[in-house]
Amino acid sequence: MARNDMTATERRDVAQEAGRAEPNERDRVFVQPAVDILEDAQGITLYADLPGVNLEGLDVRVEGDTLFLSGTSNLALPQGAQPVYAEQRSLAFRRRFSLSGDLDASAIDANLANGVLRVRIPKTPAAQPRRIEVRPG
């Protein structure tokens, strides 16, 4: 089920991406995955819910200052099984994030487990808190 609460900018971005997509992808409906973002002193951690997506169906990339997440769920039926009723066979997820200059895009780490994508983006050394030594005198 597609979300209808997209901003005008998000709708424009999705339309632009659809224009660049392969012809068979242009008619697909993309779902924005639910995402939690946590920040600590060393960086941010992003958790995206991608049910049914495996490593082969996942694409995580950075272009400039933008992080792109996309994936397709693989809800294959067991061999020889025919569905009596199926609401969906697969979902296509897509989401993008603008990264601030305080984040080190070259050191991003990502892993996928149990349908949850975890992306860790460290802060640059200059953006991390540091203790200043105060000397007497």
Protein backbone atom coordinates (compact mmCIF):
# COMPACT_ATOMS: atom_id res chain seq x y z
CA MET A 1 0.00 0.00 0.00
CA ALA A 2 1.52 3.33 -1.06
CA ARG A 3 1.71 6.18 1.40
CA ASN A 4 -0.28 9.29 0.49
CA ASP A 5 1.43 11.67 2.91
CA MET A 6 4.37 12.44 0.62
CA THR A 7 5.40 16.05 0.29
CA ALA A 8 5.40 17.76 -3.10
CA THR A 9 9.21 17.50 -3.15
CA GLU A 10 9.10 13.76 -2.44
CA ARG A 11 6.50 13.25 -5.20
CA ARG A 12 8.71 15.21 -7.63
CA ASP A 13 11.77 13.17 -6.65
CA VAL A 14 9.91 9.89 -7.12
CA ALA A 15 8.66 11.08 -10.52
CA GLN A 16 12.19 12.04 -11.57
CA GLU A 17 13.53 8.66 -10.47
CA ALA A 18 10.70 6.90 -12.33
CA GLY A 19 11.67 8.80 -15.48
CA ARG A 20 15.19 7.41 -15.18
CA ALA A 21 13.97 3.89 -14.43
CA GLU A 22 13.88 1.05 -16.88
CA PRO A 23 10.58 0.82 -18.79
CA ASN A 24 9.38 -2.18 -16.75
CA GLU A 25 9.99 -0.22 -13.49
CA ARG A 26 8.09 2.91 -14.52
CA ASP A 27 4.69 1.39 -13.75
CA ARG A 28 5.72 0.02 -10.36
CA VAL A 29 4.40 1.52 -7.17
CA PHE A 30 7.16 2.16 -4.65
CA VAL A 31 6.55 2.10 -0.93
CA GLN A 32 8.55 4.30 1.42
CA PRO A 33 9.82 2.00 4.16
CA ALA A 34 9.32 2.99 7.77
CA VAL A 35 12.61 4.33 9.14
CA ASP A 36 13.97 5.10 12.60
CA ILE A 37 17.02 7.36 12.87
CA LEU A 38 19.08 7.52 16.05
CA GLU A 39 21.93 9.96 16.65
CA ASP A 40 24.79 9.65 19.12
CA ALA A 41 28.07 11.51 19.56
CA GLN A 42 29.86 9.38 16.94
CA GLY A 43 27.23 9.33 14.19
CA ILE A 44 23.75 8.28 13.17
CA THR A 45 22.15 4.87 12.80
CA LEU A 46 19.26 4.38 10.42
CA TYR A 47 16.92 1.38 10.72
CA ALA A 48 14.66 0.72 7.71
CA ASP A 49 11.89 -1.91 7.70
CA LEU A 50 12.21 -3.92 4.48
CA PRO A 51 10.09 -7.06 4.97
CA GLY A 52 10.86 -9.83 2.50
CA VAL A 53 13.92 -8.09 1.02
CA ASN A 54 17.09 -10.16 0.78
CA LEU A 55 20.63 -9.06 -0.14
CA GLU A 56 20.07 -9.77 -3.85
CA GLY A 57 17.04 -7.46 -3.91
CA LEU A 58 18.71 -4.62 -1.99
CA ASP A 59 20.54 -1.52 -3.28
CA VAL A 60 22.18 0.94 -0.88
CA ARG A 61 24.27 3.69 -2.47
CA VAL A 62 25.52 7.22 -1.99
CA GLU A 63 25.59 9.78 -4.76
CA GLY A 64 27.07 13.09 -3.69
CA ASP A 65 25.33 14.02 -0.46
CA THR A 66 22.34 11.70 -0.97
CA LEU A 67 21.84 8.21 0.45
CA PHE A 68 19.55 5.99 -1.64
CA LEU A 69 17.82 2.87 -0.31
CA SER A 70 15.86 0.59 -2.60
CA GLY A 71 14.81 -3.00 -2.45
CA THR A 72 12.36 -5.52 -3.78
CA SER A 73 10.82 -8.15 -1.57
CA ASN A 74 10.99 -11.74 -2.69
CA LEU A 75 7.77 -13.45 -1.67
CA ALA A 76 8.18 -16.58 -3.76
CA LEU A 77 5.78 -19.45 -3.26
CA PRO A 78 7.05 -22.97 -2.63
CA GLN A 79 7.57 -24.98 -5.80
CA GLY A 80 4.29 -26.29 -7.18
CA ALA A 81 2.12 -24.12 -4.94
CA GLN A 82 -0.59 -21.99 -6.51
CA PRO A 83 -2.13 -19.13 -4.50
CA VAL A 84 -5.87 -19.18 -3.96
CA TYR A 85 -5.71 -15.53 -2.97
CA ALA A 86 -2.73 -13.17 -2.83
CA GLU A 87 -2.85 -9.51 -1.83
CA GLN A 88 0.70 -8.97 -2.96
CA ARG A 89 3.49 -11.01 -4.40
CA SER A 90 6.29 -8.50 -3.86
CA LEU A 91 6.86 -4.94 -2.77
CA ALA A 92 9.29 -2.38 -4.13
CA PHE A 93 10.76 -0.04 -1.53
CA ARG A 94 12.51 3.25 -2.25
CA ARG A 95 13.70 6.07 -0.01
CA ARG A 96 16.38 8.76 -0.13
CA PHE A 97 18.05 10.93 2.47
CA SER A 98 20.17 14.07 2.25
CA LEU A 99 23.38 13.75 4.26
CA SER A 100 24.86 16.70 6.09
CA GLY A 101 28.51 17.65 5.71
CA ASP A 102 29.10 16.48 9.29
CA LEU A 103 28.66 12.84 8.19
CA ASP A 104 31.43 10.71 6.66
CA ALA A 105 29.73 9.12 3.62
CA SER A 106 32.91 7.19 2.77
CA ALA A 107 32.68 5.16 6.00
CA ILE A 108 29.05 3.99 5.84
CA ASP A 109 28.42 0.46 7.11
CA ALA A 110 25.21 -1.45 6.35
CA ASN A 111 23.77 -4.85 7.25
CA LEU A 112 20.45 -6.60 6.73
CA ALA A 113 18.92 -9.00 9.24
CA ASN A 114 15.34 -10.23 9.66
CA GLY A 115 13.89 -7.65 7.27
CA VAL A 116 15.57 -4.68 8.95
CA LEU A 117 18.33 -2.73 7.22
CA ARG A 118 20.77 -1.07 9.62
CA VAL A 119 22.90 1.72 8.16
CA ARG A 120 25.59 3.31 10.36
CA ILE A 121 26.96 6.67 9.20
CA PRO A 122 29.77 8.03 11.35
CA LYS A 123 30.35 11.73 11.92
CA THR A 124 33.53 13.27 10.58
CA PRO A 125 36.26 13.65 13.22
CA ALA A 126 35.76 17.42 13.21
CA ALA A 127 32.05 16.99 14.04
CA GLN A 128 32.60 14.57 16.94
CA PRO A 129 32.77 15.96 20.45
CA ARG A 130 36.20 16.08 21.99
CA ARG A 131 37.47 16.96 25.40
CA ILE A 132 39.64 20.07 25.69
CA GLU A 133 42.47 19.85 28.18
CA VAL A 134 42.68 22.88 30.43
CA ARG A 135 46.10 23.64 31.84
CA PRO A 136 46.80 25.67 34.93
CA GLY A 137 48.26 29.15 34.66
